[in-house]
Amino acid sequence: MGRIAVTILLILSPLLSTDINIYEQNCVKCHENMPVSLDKFFFNYLLKYSSERRVKQALRNYLKHPRRKASLATEELVSRYGLMPKTDLSDEDLRKAIDTYWDKYKVFGKIE
């Protein structure tokens, strides 16, 4: 009985964590070596765009078409690391990664 449960868990675990894996493999992997963490970028987007819809839209637009004018990174950061390359994620995977990013760092519902 225990083997069956473990087997089912092993089969289902990749399906349950797909969205997190997309985010971890495509966002965290590159940003983990930068001096500014992803949470700092998130709060910059939140300060500028205010709402979940607008933050996600701005992120999606930037990741699909990175331009200096749309970047919220400092000049020093862009000079040292350059702009992000255009994402090669599908629209659906990009949406999942952005949703995971939002859920990880959102402050709404967490402040009492």
PDB file of N, CA and C in Angstrom:
ATOM      1  N   MET A   1       0.824  -1.194   0.000  1.00  0.00           N
ATOM      2  CA  MET A   1       0.000   0.000   0.000  1.00  0.00           C
ATOM      3  C   MET A   1       0.868   1.257   0.000  1.00  0.00           C
ATOM      4  N   GLY A   2       1.930   1.272   0.782  1.00  0.00           N
ATOM      5  CA  GLY A   2       2.820   2.416   0.854  1.00  0.00           C
ATOM      6  C   GLY A   2       3.520   2.680  -0.471  1.00  0.00           C
ATOM      7  N   ARG A   3       3.884   1.600  -1.162  1.00  0.00           N
ATOM      8  CA  ARG A   3       4.540   1.751  -2.462  1.00  0.00           C
ATOM      9  C   ARG A   3       3.607   2.407  -3.482  1.00  0.00           C
ATOM     10  N   ILE A   4       2.345   2.050  -3.430  1.00  0.00           N
ATOM     11  CA  ILE A   4       1.371   2.630  -4.353  1.00  0.00           C
ATOM     12  C   ILE A   4       1.244   4.131  -4.098  1.00  0.00           C
ATOM     13  N   ALA A   5       1.163   4.508  -2.832  1.00  0.00           N
ATOM     14  CA  ALA A   5       1.045   5.929  -2.485  1.00  0.00           C
ATOM     15  C   ALA A   5       2.280   6.706  -2.939  1.00  0.00           C
ATOM     16  N   VAL A   6       3.444   6.154  -2.727  1.00  0.00           N
ATOM     17  CA  VAL A   6       4.682   6.808  -3.143  1.00  0.00           C
ATOM     18  C   VAL A   6       4.736   6.918  -4.660  1.00  0.00           C
ATOM     19  N   THR A   7       4.363   5.870  -5.350  1.00  0.00           N
ATOM     20  CA  THR A   7       4.358   5.881  -6.816  1.00  0.00           C
ATOM     21  C   THR A   7       3.399   6.945  -7.346  1.00  0.00           C
ATOM     22  N   ILE A   8       2.206   7.003  -6.795  1.00  0.00           N
ATOM     23  CA  ILE A   8       1.233   8.014  -7.215  1.00  0.00           C
ATOM     24  C   ILE A   8       1.769   9.408  -6.938  1.00  0.00           C
ATOM     25  N   LEU A   9       2.363   9.616  -5.783  1.00  0.00           N
ATOM     26  CA  LEU A   9       2.930  10.916  -5.443  1.00  0.00           C
ATOM     27  C   LEU A   9       4.050  11.305  -6.401  1.00  0.00           C
ATOM     28  N   LEU A  10       4.903  10.364  -6.745  1.00  0.00           N
ATOM     29  CA  LEU A  10       5.992  10.641  -7.685  1.00  0.00           C
ATOM     30  C   LEU A  10       5.469  10.977  -9.080  1.00  0.00           C
ATOM     31  N   ILE A  11       4.393  10.329  -9.471  1.00  0.00           N
ATOM     32  CA  ILE A  11       3.806  10.602 -10.789  1.00  0.00           C
ATOM     33  C   ILE A  11       3.120  11.958 -10.804  1.00  0.00           C
ATOM     34  N   LEU A  12       2.418  12.301  -9.741  1.00  0.00           N
ATOM     35  CA  LEU A  12       1.641  13.545  -9.699  1.00  0.00           C
ATOM     36  C   LEU A  12       2.458  14.773  -9.324  1.00  0.00           C
ATOM     37  N   SER A  13       3.568  14.619  -8.618  1.00  0.00           N
ATOM     38  CA  SER A  13       4.313  15.784  -8.146  1.00  0.00           C
ATOM     39  C   SER A  13       4.777  16.718  -9.258  1.00  0.00           C
ATOM     40  N   PRO A  14       5.269  16.228 -10.398  1.00  0.00           N
ATOM     41  CA  PRO A  14       5.630  17.173 -11.460  1.00  0.00           C
ATOM     42  C   PRO A  14       4.421  17.933 -12.001  1.00  0.00           C
ATOM     43  N   LEU A  15       3.272  17.286 -12.027  1.00  0.00           N
ATOM     44  CA  LEU A  15       2.071  17.953 -12.510  1.00  0.00           C
ATOM     45  C   LEU A  15       1.605  19.041 -11.547  1.00  0.00           C
ATOM     46  N   LEU A  16       1.790  18.811 -10.273  1.00  0.00           N
ATOM     47  CA  LEU A  16       1.346  19.775  -9.273  1.00  0.00           C
ATOM     48  C   LEU A  16       2.259  20.987  -9.184  1.00  0.00           C
ATOM     49  N   SER A  17       3.514  20.834  -9.525  1.00  0.00           N
ATOM     50  CA  SER A  17       4.470  21.927  -9.360  1.00  0.00           C
ATOM     51  C   SER A  17       4.936  22.526 -10.678  1.00  0.00           C
ATOM     52  N   THR A  18       4.234  22.263 -11.768  1.00  0.00           N
ATOM     53  CA  THR A  18       4.652  22.742 -13.078  1.00  0.00           C
ATOM     54  C   THR A  18       4.801  24.254 -13.109  1.00  0.00           C
ATOM     55  N   ASP A  19       3.819  24.991 -12.582  1.00  0.00           N
ATOM     56  CA  ASP A  19       3.875  26.452 -12.611  1.00  0.00           C
ATOM     57  C   ASP A  19       5.081  26.961 -11.828  1.00  0.00           C
ATOM     58  N   ILE A  20       5.330  26.374 -10.676  1.00  0.00           N
ATOM     59  CA  ILE A  20       6.471  26.785  -9.867  1.00  0.00           C
ATOM     60  C   ILE A  20       7.766  26.453 -10.598  1.00  0.00           C
ATOM     61  N   ASN A  21       7.821  25.297 -11.248  1.00  0.00           N
ATOM     62  CA  ASN A  21       9.024  24.922 -11.987  1.00  0.00           C
ATOM     63  C   ASN A  21       9.302  25.884 -13.130  1.00  0.00           C
ATOM     64  N   ILE A  22       8.274  26.328 -13.825  1.00  0.00           N
ATOM     65  CA  ILE A  22       8.458  27.293 -14.912  1.00  0.00           C
ATOM     66  C   ILE A  22       9.092  28.557 -14.348  1.00  0.00           C
ATOM     67  N   TYR A  23       8.569  29.032 -13.244  1.00  0.00           N
ATOM     68  CA  TYR A  23       9.094  30.241 -12.604  1.00  0.00           C
ATOM     69  C   TYR A  23      10.526  30.006 -12.111  1.00  0.00           C
ATOM     70  N   GLU A  24      10.747  28.920 -11.406  1.00  0.00           N
ATOM     71  CA  GLU A  24      12.067  28.632 -10.838  1.00  0.00           C
ATOM     72  C   GLU A  24      13.127  28.461 -11.942  1.00  0.00           C
ATOM     73  N   GLN A  25      12.799  27.721 -12.963  1.00  0.00           N
ATOM     74  CA  GLN A  25      13.774  27.421 -14.016  1.00  0.00           C
ATOM     75  C   GLN A  25      14.030  28.603 -14.941  1.00  0.00           C
ATOM     76  N   ASN A  26      13.041  29.455 -15.143  1.00  0.00           N
ATOM     77  CA  ASN A  26      13.180  30.516 -16.125  1.00  0.00           C
ATOM     78  C   ASN A  26      13.389  31.902 -15.536  1.00  0.00           C
ATOM     79  N   CYS A  27      13.075  32.086 -14.285  1.00  0.00           N
ATOM     80  CA  CYS A  27      13.219  33.414 -13.677  1.00  0.00           C
ATOM     81  C   CYS A  27      14.281  33.392 -12.572  1.00  0.00           C
ATOM     82  N   VAL A  28      14.044  32.562 -11.583  1.00  0.00           N
ATOM     83  CA  VAL A  28      14.943  32.505 -10.425  1.00  0.00           C
ATOM     84  C   VAL A  28      16.346  32.094 -10.845  1.00  0.00           C
ATOM     85  N   LYS A  29      16.435  31.142 -11.732  1.00  0.00           N
ATOM     86  CA  LYS A  29      17.739  30.617 -12.168  1.00  0.00           C
ATOM     87  C   LYS A  29      18.664  31.733 -12.653  1.00  0.00           C
ATOM     88  N   CYS A  30      18.137  32.658 -13.427  1.00  0.00           N
ATOM     89  CA  CYS A  30      18.965  33.755 -13.954  1.00  0.00           C
ATOM     90  C   CYS A  30      19.153  34.880 -12.939  1.00  0.00           C
ATOM     91  N   HIS A  31      18.119  35.173 -12.193  1.00  0.00           N
ATOM     92  CA  HIS A  31      18.167  36.310 -11.280  1.00  0.00           C
ATOM     93  C   HIS A  31      18.897  36.024  -9.973  1.00  0.00           C
ATOM     94  N   GLU A  32      19.146  34.760  -9.659  1.00  0.00           N
ATOM     95  CA  GLU A  32      19.764  34.438  -8.369  1.00  0.00           C
ATOM     96  C   GLU A  32      21.196  34.956  -8.254  1.00  0.00           C
ATOM     97  N   ASN A  33      21.842  35.243  -9.370  1.00  0.00           N
ATOM     98  CA  ASN A  33      23.219  35.737  -9.343  1.00  0.00           C
ATOM     99  C   ASN A  33      23.312  37.254  -9.452  1.00  0.00           C
ATOM    100  N   MET A  34      22.185  37.910  -9.406  1.00  0.00           N
ATOM    101  CA  MET A  34      22.176  39.367  -9.511  1.00  0.00           C
ATOM    102  C   MET A  34      22.174  39.997  -8.120  1.00  0.00           C
ATOM    103  N   PRO A  35      22.707  41.203  -7.995  1.00  0.00           N
ATOM    104  CA  PRO A  35      22.752  41.846  -6.687  1.00  0.00           C
ATOM    105  C   PRO A  35      21.383  42.338  -6.209  1.00  0.00           C
ATOM    106  N   VAL A  36      20.409  42.439  -7.118  1.00  0.00           N
ATOM    107  CA  VAL A  36      19.065  42.865  -6.735  1.00  0.00           C
ATOM    108  C   VAL A  36      18.144  41.664  -6.870  1.00  0.00           C
ATOM    109  N   SER A  37      17.470  41.323  -5.785  1.00  0.00           N
ATOM    110  CA  SER A  37      16.639  40.123  -5.786  1.00  0.00           C
ATOM    111  C   SER A  37      15.304  40.366  -6.492  1.00  0.00           C
ATOM    112  N   LEU A  38      14.645  39.278  -6.846  1.00  0.00           N
ATOM    113  CA  LEU A  38      13.369  39.366  -7.539  1.00  0.00           C
ATOM    114  C   LEU A  38      12.304  40.081  -6.724  1.00  0.00           C
ATOM    115  N   ASP A  39      12.373  39.962  -5.405  1.00  0.00           N
ATOM    116  CA  ASP A  39      11.369  40.653  -4.586  1.00  0.00           C
ATOM    117  C   ASP A  39      11.509  42.171  -4.701  1.00  0.00           C
ATOM    118  N   LYS A  40      12.717  42.669  -4.858  1.00  0.00           N
ATOM    119  CA  LYS A  40      12.921  44.120  -5.039  1.00  0.00           C
ATOM    120  C   LYS A  40      12.317  44.594  -6.354  1.00  0.00           C
ATOM    121  N   PHE A  41      12.522  43.800  -7.425  1.00  0.00           N
ATOM    122  CA  PHE A  41      11.893  44.133  -8.695  1.00  0.00           C
ATOM    123  C   PHE A  41      10.374  44.129  -8.551  1.00  0.00           C
ATOM    124  N   PHE A  42       9.857  43.130  -7.834  1.00  0.00           N
ATOM    125  CA  PHE A  42       8.409  43.040  -7.642  1.00  0.00           C
ATOM    126  C   PHE A  42       7.875  44.306  -6.985  1.00  0.00           C
ATOM    127  N   PHE A  43       8.518  44.744  -5.918  1.00  0.00           N
ATOM    128  CA  PHE A  43       8.020  45.921  -5.209  1.00  0.00           C
ATOM    129  C   PHE A  43       8.150  47.184  -6.061  1.00  0.00           C
ATOM    130  N   ASN A  44       9.164  47.261  -6.917  1.00  0.00           N
ATOM    131  CA  ASN A  44       9.256  48.385  -7.852  1.00  0.00           C
ATOM    132  C   ASN A  44       8.080  48.379  -8.824  1.00  0.00           C
ATOM    133  N   TYR A  45       7.741  47.206  -9.335  1.00  0.00           N
ATOM    134  CA  TYR A  45       6.582  47.099 -10.233  1.00  0.00           C
ATOM    135  C   TYR A  45       5.296  47.455  -9.489  1.00  0.00           C
ATOM    136  N   LEU A  46       5.176  46.985  -8.266  1.00  0.00           N
ATOM    137  CA  LEU A  46       3.975  47.267  -7.478  1.00  0.00           C
ATOM    138  C   LEU A  46       3.844  48.759  -7.194  1.00  0.00           C
ATOM    139  N   LEU A  47       4.953  49.406  -6.865  1.00  0.00           N
ATOM    140  CA  LEU A  47       4.916  50.851  -6.617  1.00  0.00           C
ATOM    141  C   LEU A  47       4.521  51.633  -7.866  1.00  0.00           C
ATOM    142  N   LYS A  48       5.001  51.208  -9.004  1.00  0.00           N
ATOM    143  CA  LYS A  48       4.717  51.941 -10.241  1.00  0.00           C
ATOM    144  C   LYS A  48       3.335  51.628 -10.804  1.00  0.00           C
ATOM    145  N   TYR A  49       2.923  50.377 -10.766  1.00  0.00           N
ATOM    146  CA  TYR A  49       1.710  49.959 -11.467  1.00  0.00           C
ATOM    147  C   TYR A  49       0.511  49.669 -10.556  1.00  0.00           C
ATOM    148  N   SER A  50       0.708  49.533  -9.264  1.00  0.00           N
ATOM    149  CA  SER A  50      -0.347  49.480  -8.243  1.00  0.00           C
ATOM    150  C   SER A  50      -1.208  48.227  -8.189  1.00  0.00           C
ATOM    151  N   SER A  51      -1.785  47.808  -9.272  1.00  0.00           N
ATOM    152  CA  SER A  51      -2.753  46.705  -9.214  1.00  0.00           C
ATOM    153  C   SER A  51      -2.171  45.424  -9.801  1.00  0.00           C
ATOM    154  N   GLU A  52      -2.772  44.317  -9.428  1.00  0.00           N
ATOM    155  CA  GLU A  52      -2.340  43.021  -9.939  1.00  0.00           C
ATOM    156  C   GLU A  52      -2.406  42.999 -11.461  1.00  0.00           C
ATOM    157  N   ARG A  53      -3.500  43.440 -12.027  1.00  0.00           N
ATOM    158  CA  ARG A  53      -3.670  43.420 -13.482  1.00  0.00           C
ATOM    159  C   ARG A  53      -2.594  44.246 -14.180  1.00  0.00           C
ATOM    160  N   ARG A  54      -2.333  45.447 -13.681  1.00  0.00           N
ATOM    161  CA  ARG A  54      -1.365  46.337 -14.318  1.00  0.00           C
ATOM    162  C   ARG A  54       0.074  45.843 -14.143  1.00  0.00           C
ATOM    163  N   VAL A  55       0.387  45.295 -12.969  1.00  0.00           N
ATOM    164  CA  VAL A  55       1.729  44.735 -12.740  1.00  0.00           C
ATOM    165  C   VAL A  55       1.978  43.576 -13.696  1.00  0.00           C
ATOM    166  N   LYS A  56       1.026  42.656 -13.772  1.00  0.00           N
ATOM    167  CA  LYS A  56       1.185  41.490 -14.641  1.00  0.00           C
ATOM    168  C   LYS A  56       1.280  41.910 -16.105  1.00  0.00           C
ATOM    169  N   GLN A  57       0.491  42.880 -16.499  1.00  0.00           N
ATOM    170  CA  GLN A  57       0.530  43.363 -17.877  1.00  0.00           C
ATOM    171  C   GLN A  57       1.887  43.999 -18.189  1.00  0.00           C
ATOM    172  N   ALA A  58       2.397  44.815 -17.272  1.00  0.00           N
ATOM    173  CA  ALA A  58       3.700  45.465 -17.474  1.00  0.00           C
ATOM    174  C   ALA A  58       4.819  44.430 -17.539  1.00  0.00           C
ATOM    175  N   LEU A  59       4.782  43.446 -16.658  1.00  0.00           N
ATOM    176  CA  LEU A  59       5.790  42.381 -16.688  1.00  0.00           C
ATOM    177  C   LEU A  59       5.734  41.613 -18.008  1.00  0.00           C
ATOM    178  N   ARG A  60       4.541  41.230 -18.415  1.00  0.00           N
ATOM    179  CA  ARG A  60       4.375  40.488 -19.663  1.00  0.00           C
ATOM    180  C   ARG A  60       4.911  41.303 -20.843  1.00  0.00           C
ATOM    181  N   ASN A  61       4.549  42.577 -20.906  1.00  0.00           N
ATOM    182  CA  ASN A  61       5.014  43.431 -21.999  1.00  0.00           C
ATOM    183  C   ASN A  61       6.537  43.564 -21.988  1.00  0.00           C
ATOM    184  N   TYR A  62       7.105  43.772 -20.819  1.00  0.00           N
ATOM    185  CA  TYR A  62       8.560  43.925 -20.736  1.00  0.00           C
ATOM    186  C   TYR A  62       9.287  42.629 -21.122  1.00  0.00           C
ATOM    187  N   LEU A  63       8.805  41.512 -20.623  1.00  0.00           N
ATOM    188  CA  LEU A  63       9.478  40.246 -20.888  1.00  0.00           C
ATOM    189  C   LEU A  63       9.382  39.844 -22.355  1.00  0.00           C
ATOM    190  N   LYS A  64       8.300  40.236 -23.009  1.00  0.00           N
ATOM    191  CA  LYS A  64       8.153  39.932 -24.440  1.00  0.00           C
ATOM    192  C   LYS A  64       8.916  40.928 -25.319  1.00  0.00           C
ATOM    193  N   HIS A  65       9.053  42.182 -24.825  1.00  0.00           N
ATOM    194  CA  HIS A  65       9.709  43.234 -25.601  1.00  0.00           C
ATOM    195  C   HIS A  65      10.565  44.105 -24.675  1.00  0.00           C
ATOM    196  N   PRO A  66      11.683  43.580 -24.193  1.00  0.00           N
ATOM    197  CA  PRO A  66      12.518  44.349 -23.259  1.00  0.00           C
ATOM    198  C   PRO A  66      13.086  45.610 -23.925  1.00  0.00           C
ATOM    199  N   ARG A  67      12.837  46.731 -23.300  1.00  0.00           N
ATOM    200  CA  ARG A  67      13.364  48.013 -23.772  1.00  0.00           C
ATOM    201  C   ARG A  67      13.811  48.800 -22.553  1.00  0.00           C
ATOM    202  N   ARG A  68      14.829  49.597 -22.729  1.00  0.00           N
ATOM    203  CA  ARG A  68      15.350  50.400 -21.625  1.00  0.00           C
ATOM    204  C   ARG A  68      14.271  51.299 -21.038  1.00  0.00           C
ATOM    205  N   LYS A  69      13.459  51.879 -21.892  1.00  0.00           N
ATOM    206  CA  LYS A  69      12.407  52.788 -21.444  1.00  0.00           C
ATOM    207  C   LYS A  69      11.398  52.088 -20.514  1.00  0.00           C
ATOM    208  N   ALA A  70      11.168  50.815 -20.745  1.00  0.00           N
ATOM    209  CA  ALA A  70      10.197  50.072 -19.945  1.00  0.00           C
ATOM    210  C   ALA A  70      10.820  49.392 -18.729  1.00  0.00           C
ATOM    211  N   SER A  71      12.134  49.373 -18.649  1.00  0.00           N
ATOM    212  CA  SER A  71      12.812  48.688 -17.551  1.00  0.00           C
ATOM    213  C   SER A  71      12.719  49.487 -16.249  1.00  0.00           C
ATOM    214  N   LEU A  72      12.550  48.781 -15.157  1.00  0.00           N
ATOM    215  CA  LEU A  72      12.567  49.427 -13.846  1.00  0.00           C
ATOM    216  C   LEU A  72      13.910  49.227 -13.143  1.00  0.00           C
ATOM    217  N   ALA A  73      14.857  48.632 -13.835  1.00  0.00           N
ATOM    218  CA  ALA A  73      16.199  48.447 -13.280  1.00  0.00           C
ATOM    219  C   ALA A  73      16.947  49.779 -13.315  1.00  0.00           C
ATOM    220  N   THR A  74      17.877  49.927 -12.395  1.00  0.00           N
ATOM    221  CA  THR A  74      18.689  51.142 -12.358  1.00  0.00           C
ATOM    222  C   THR A  74      19.643  51.178 -13.541  1.00  0.00           C
ATOM    223  N   GLU A  75      20.134  52.367 -13.852  1.00  0.00           N
ATOM    224  CA  GLU A  75      21.117  52.518 -14.934  1.00  0.00           C
ATOM    225  C   GLU A  75      22.354  51.667 -14.669  1.00  0.00           C
ATOM    226  N   GLU A  76      22.800  51.633 -13.406  1.00  0.00           N
ATOM    227  CA  GLU A  76      23.981  50.852 -13.051  1.00  0.00           C
ATOM    228  C   GLU A  76      23.769  49.360 -13.320  1.00  0.00           C
ATOM    229  N   LEU A  77      22.596  48.881 -12.967  1.00  0.00           N
ATOM    230  CA  LEU A  77      22.292  47.466 -13.179  1.00  0.00           C
ATOM    231  C   LEU A  77      22.238  47.140 -14.670  1.00  0.00           C
ATOM    232  N   VAL A  78      21.616  48.003 -15.450  1.00  0.00           N
ATOM    233  CA  VAL A  78      21.545  47.786 -16.890  1.00  0.00           C
ATOM    234  C   VAL A  78      22.937  47.883 -17.518  1.00  0.00           C
ATOM    235  N   SER A  79      23.754  48.830 -17.052  1.00  0.00           N
ATOM    236  CA  SER A  79      25.111  48.961 -17.581  1.00  0.00           C
ATOM    237  C   SER A  79      25.936  47.707 -17.312  1.00  0.00           C
ATOM    238  N   ARG A  80      25.771  47.151 -16.138  1.00  0.00           N
ATOM    239  CA  ARG A  80      26.572  45.982 -15.764  1.00  0.00           C
ATOM    240  C   ARG A  80      26.053  44.680 -16.373  1.00  0.00           C
ATOM    241  N   TYR A  81      24.726  44.484 -16.363  1.00  0.00           N
ATOM    242  CA  TYR A  81      24.146  43.210 -16.788  1.00  0.00           C
ATOM    243  C   TYR A  81      23.406  43.290 -18.127  1.00  0.00           C
ATOM    244  N   GLY A  82      23.116  44.498 -18.600  1.00  0.00           N
ATOM    245  CA  GLY A  82      22.347  44.656 -19.829  1.00  0.00           C
ATOM    246  C   GLY A  82      20.867  44.433 -19.580  1.00  0.00           C
ATOM    247  N   LEU A  83      20.086  44.612 -20.618  1.00  0.00           N
ATOM    248  CA  LEU A  83      18.654  44.322 -20.522  1.00  0.00           C
ATOM    249  C   LEU A  83      18.453  42.822 -20.632  1.00  0.00           C
ATOM    250  N   MET A  84      17.356  42.379 -20.093  1.00  0.00           N
ATOM    251  CA  MET A  84      17.016  40.965 -20.227  1.00  0.00           C
ATOM    252  C   MET A  84      16.837  40.621 -21.694  1.00  0.00           C
ATOM    253  N   PRO A  85      17.188  39.413 -22.082  1.00  0.00           N
ATOM    254  CA  PRO A  85      16.841  38.996 -23.435  1.00  0.00           C
ATOM    255  C   PRO A  85      15.335  38.752 -23.519  1.00  0.00           C
ATOM    256  N   LYS A  86      14.801  38.849 -24.700  1.00  0.00           N
ATOM    257  CA  LYS A  86      13.380  38.583 -24.920  1.00  0.00           C
ATOM    258  C   LYS A  86      13.074  37.152 -24.483  1.00  0.00           C
ATOM    259  N   THR A  87      11.960  36.965 -23.782  1.00  0.00           N
ATOM    260  CA  THR A  87      11.606  35.627 -23.306  1.00  0.00           C
ATOM    261  C   THR A  87      11.314  34.692 -24.462  1.00  0.00           C
ATOM    262  N   ASP A  88      11.641  33.434 -24.269  1.00  0.00           N
ATOM    263  CA  ASP A  88      11.289  32.429 -25.264  1.00  0.00           C
ATOM    264  C   ASP A  88      10.168  31.530 -24.744  1.00  0.00           C
ATOM    265  N   LEU A  89       9.568  31.931 -23.615  1.00  0.00           N
ATOM    266  CA  LEU A  89       8.439  31.167 -23.074  1.00  0.00           C
ATOM    267  C   LEU A  89       7.203  31.378 -23.932  1.00  0.00           C
ATOM    268  N   SER A  90       6.370  30.364 -24.001  1.00  0.00           N
ATOM    269  CA  SER A  90       5.079  30.506 -24.679  1.00  0.00           C
ATOM    270  C   SER A  90       4.223  31.476 -23.865  1.00  0.00           C
ATOM    271  N   ASP A  91       3.183  31.998 -24.458  1.00  0.00           N
ATOM    272  CA  ASP A  91       2.288  32.912 -23.737  1.00  0.00           C
ATOM    273  C   ASP A  91       1.722  32.262 -22.482  1.00  0.00           C
ATOM    274  N   GLU A  92       1.357  30.993 -22.584  1.00  0.00           N
ATOM    275  CA  GLU A  92       0.787  30.279 -21.439  1.00  0.00           C
ATOM    276  C   GLU A  92       1.827  30.085 -20.328  1.00  0.00           C
ATOM    277  N   ASP A  93       3.035  29.673 -20.687  1.00  0.00           N
ATOM    278  CA  ASP A  93       4.080  29.498 -19.672  1.00  0.00           C
ATOM    279  C   ASP A  93       4.487  30.835 -19.057  1.00  0.00           C
ATOM    280  N   LEU A  94       4.518  31.879 -19.857  1.00  0.00           N
ATOM    281  CA  LEU A  94       4.827  33.209 -19.339  1.00  0.00           C
ATOM    282  C   LEU A  94       3.760  33.639 -18.341  1.00  0.00           C
ATOM    283  N   ARG A  95       2.493  33.400 -18.669  1.00  0.00           N
ATOM    284  CA  ARG A  95       1.401  33.731 -17.747  1.00  0.00           C
ATOM    285  C   ARG A  95       1.552  32.960 -16.439  1.00  0.00           C
ATOM    286  N   LYS A  96       1.883  31.680 -16.526  1.00  0.00           N
ATOM    287  CA  LYS A  96       2.058  30.858 -15.323  1.00  0.00           C
ATOM    288  C   LYS A  96       3.225  31.369 -14.477  1.00  0.00           C
ATOM    289  N   ALA A  97       4.328  31.712 -15.118  1.00  0.00           N
ATOM    290  CA  ALA A  97       5.497  32.214 -14.383  1.00  0.00           C
ATOM    291  C   ALA A  97       5.157  33.534 -13.684  1.00  0.00           C
ATOM    292  N   ILE A  98       4.477  34.425 -14.372  1.00  0.00           N
ATOM    293  CA  ILE A  98       4.100  35.719 -13.783  1.00  0.00           C
ATOM    294  C   ILE A  98       3.098  35.514 -12.660  1.00  0.00           C
ATOM    295  N   ASP A  99       2.158  34.597 -12.829  1.00  0.00           N
ATOM    296  CA  ASP A  99       1.197  34.304 -11.757  1.00  0.00           C
ATOM    297  C   ASP A  99       1.912  33.763 -10.518  1.00  0.00           C
ATOM    298  N   THR A 100       2.884  32.878 -10.724  1.00  0.00           N
ATOM    299  CA  THR A 100       3.652  32.335  -9.599  1.00  0.00           C
ATOM    300  C   THR A 100       4.433  33.449  -8.908  1.00  0.00           C
ATOM    301  N   TYR A 101       5.051  34.309  -9.700  1.00  0.00           N
ATOM    302  CA  TYR A 101       5.804  35.458  -9.170  1.00  0.00           C
ATOM    303  C   TYR A 101       4.886  36.348  -8.341  1.00  0.00           C
ATOM    304  N   TRP A 102       3.713  36.651  -8.866  1.00  0.00           N
ATOM    305  CA  TRP A 102       2.753  37.487  -8.141  1.00  0.00           C
ATOM    306  C   TRP A 102       2.368  36.824  -6.819  1.00  0.00           C
ATOM    307  N   ASP A 103       2.008  35.559  -6.864  1.00  0.00           N
ATOM    308  CA  ASP A 103       1.575  34.855  -5.651  1.00  0.00           C
ATOM    309  C   ASP A 103       2.681  34.782  -4.605  1.00  0.00           C
ATOM    310  N   LYS A 104       3.913  34.685  -5.047  1.00  0.00           N
ATOM    311  CA  LYS A 104       5.039  34.579  -4.118  1.00  0.00           C
ATOM    312  C   LYS A 104       5.286  35.880  -3.363  1.00  0.00           C
ATOM    313  N   TYR A 105       5.159  37.016  -4.042  1.00  0.00           N
ATOM    314  CA  TYR A 105       5.560  38.278  -3.427  1.00  0.00           C
ATOM    315  C   TYR A 105       4.428  39.256  -3.123  1.00  0.00           C
ATOM    316  N   LYS A 106       3.214  38.941  -3.513  1.00  0.00           N
ATOM    317  CA  LYS A 106       2.120  39.887  -3.259  1.00  0.00           C
ATOM    318  C   LYS A 106       2.004  40.172  -1.768  1.00  0.00           C
ATOM    319  N   VAL A 107       1.620  41.379  -1.466  1.00  0.00           N
ATOM    320  CA  VAL A 107       1.451  41.772  -0.068  1.00  0.00           C
ATOM    321  C   VAL A 107      -0.016  41.786   0.327  1.00  0.00           C
ATOM    322  N   PHE A 108      -0.886  41.841  -0.658  1.00  0.00           N
ATOM    323  CA  PHE A 108      -2.324  41.887  -0.379  1.00  0.00           C
ATOM    324  C   PHE A 108      -2.759  40.616   0.325  1.00  0.00           C
ATOM    325  N   GLY A 109      -3.489  40.775   1.404  1.00  0.00           N
ATOM    326  CA  GLY A 109      -3.956  39.628   2.167  1.00  0.00           C
ATOM    327  C   GLY A 109      -2.920  39.087   3.142  1.00  0.00           C
ATOM    328  N   LYS A 110      -1.708  39.648   3.137  1.00  0.00           N
ATOM    329  CA  LYS A 110      -0.666  39.170   4.046  1.00  0.00           C
ATOM    330  C   LYS A 110      -0.422  40.160   5.178  1.00  0.00           C
ATOM    331  N   ILE A 111      -0.836  41.406   4.987  1.00  0.00           N
ATOM    332  CA  ILE A 111      -0.629  42.444   6.006  1.00  0.00           C
ATOM    333  C   ILE A 111      -1.865  42.502   6.900  1.00  0.00           C
ATOM    334  N   GLU A 112      -1.633  42.471   8.182  1.00  0.00           N
ATOM    335  CA  GLU A 112      -2.757  42.531   9.123  1.00  0.00           C
ATOM    336  C   GLU A 112      -2.810  43.856   9.816  1.00  0.00           C
TER     337      GLU A 112
END
